[in-house]
Structures are given as C-alpha cells and as structure tokens.
Amino acid sequence: MSILNRVIDERFWSHRQRSTSIAGVAAAELSLLIFLYRVFFNHYWDWDLFAVGLTFAVVKLAMMTYFYLTA
C-alpha cells in the first residue's frame, strides 16, 4: 500500500470514495424505481429488486448513525 501512496495522492482516494458513494446511491435508487414500475404497471412484485434497495437504505442509515454517534 505504501507504493500506491507514493504514486497516488489523497485527491484520488477522495474522488474514488465520492464516486463510489454516488454510484451506490444511483444503483439503489434505480433498483427501487424498477421495482415500483413493475408493481404499478405490470402488477408483479420483484422481491429481489426490493431487497437490493432496502439493504442499501438500512446500511446507509446504520452507517450514518454510527458515524454520528462516534464522531
């Protein structure tokens, strides 16, 4: 890891963290939107998509609470 730290500065790690977070939020929102579309228009409950969106929401809220309480 120290070799990477010599080549890559902290801006790279910051951009990587933010882009990964945004990608995760976008993927979770997309899964929930597809779930809702299928429920309302196709009358089909796709529990896999719901589980992905719900897992994201639970983990996000749990981590926000943890960071708030420990900071």
Protein backbone atom coordinates (compact mmCIF):
# COMPACT_ATOMS: atom_id res chain seq x y z
CA MET A 1 0.00 0.00 0.00
CA SER A 2 2.87 2.39 0.65
CA ILE A 3 3.93 2.13 -3.00
CA LEU A 4 0.48 3.31 -4.09
CA ASN A 5 0.58 6.18 -1.61
CA ARG A 6 3.79 7.43 -3.22
CA VAL A 7 2.26 7.40 -6.70
CA ILE A 8 -1.33 8.43 -5.94
CA ASP A 9 -2.19 11.42 -3.78
CA GLU A 10 -5.11 11.90 -1.39
CA ARG A 11 -7.25 13.63 -4.03
CA PHE A 12 -7.50 10.34 -5.92
CA TRP A 13 -8.72 8.49 -2.82
CA SER A 14 -11.23 11.27 -2.08
CA HIS A 15 -12.63 11.23 -5.62
CA ARG A 16 -12.77 7.44 -5.56
CA GLN A 17 -14.72 7.45 -2.31
CA ARG A 18 -17.23 10.05 -3.53
CA SER A 19 -17.74 8.40 -6.91
CA THR A 20 -18.31 5.01 -5.30
CA SER A 21 -20.85 6.52 -2.91
CA ILE A 22 -22.73 8.24 -5.73
CA ALA A 23 -22.71 5.06 -7.81
CA GLY A 24 -24.14 3.08 -4.90
CA VAL A 25 -26.92 5.58 -4.33
CA ALA A 26 -27.78 5.65 -8.04
CA ALA A 27 -27.89 1.84 -8.26
CA ALA A 28 -30.12 1.55 -5.19
CA GLU A 29 -32.50 4.23 -6.45
CA LEU A 30 -32.65 2.58 -9.86
CA SER A 31 -33.49 -0.79 -8.32
CA LEU A 32 -36.31 0.78 -6.30
CA LEU A 33 -37.64 2.65 -9.34
CA ILE A 34 -37.67 -0.54 -11.41
CA PHE A 35 -39.39 -2.33 -8.52
CA LEU A 36 -42.09 0.36 -8.33
CA TYR A 37 -42.54 0.37 -12.10
CA ARG A 38 -43.09 -3.37 -12.13
CA VAL A 39 -45.52 -3.17 -9.22
CA PHE A 40 -47.66 -0.37 -10.67
CA PHE A 41 -47.62 -1.22 -14.39
CA ASN A 42 -47.02 -4.97 -14.55
CA HIS A 43 -48.61 -5.87 -11.18
CA TYR A 44 -45.57 -8.03 -10.42
CA TRP A 45 -43.69 -7.90 -7.12
CA ASP A 46 -39.98 -8.46 -7.81
CA TRP A 47 -38.63 -9.05 -4.32
CA ASP A 48 -35.00 -9.21 -5.46
CA LEU A 49 -35.06 -5.57 -6.54
CA PHE A 50 -36.84 -4.55 -3.36
CA ALA A 51 -34.22 -6.38 -1.27
CA VAL A 52 -31.38 -4.51 -3.00
CA GLY A 53 -32.96 -1.11 -2.37
CA LEU A 54 -33.93 -1.95 1.19
CA THR A 55 -30.45 -3.29 2.00
CA PHE A 56 -28.91 -0.07 0.73
CA ALA A 57 -31.27 2.07 2.82
CA VAL A 58 -30.68 0.06 6.00
CA VAL A 59 -26.89 0.04 5.63
CA LYS A 60 -26.77 3.75 4.75
CA LEU A 61 -28.87 4.76 7.76
CA ALA A 62 -26.95 2.45 10.09
CA MET A 63 -23.59 3.85 8.98
CA MET A 64 -24.85 7.44 9.24
CA THR A 65 -26.00 6.74 12.81
CA TYR A 66 -22.72 5.03 13.70
CA PHE A 67 -20.59 7.88 12.33
CA TYR A 68 -22.79 10.47 14.08
CA LEU A 69 -22.51 8.72 17.44
CA THR A 70 -18.77 8.01 17.25
CA ALA A 71 -17.59 11.35 15.86
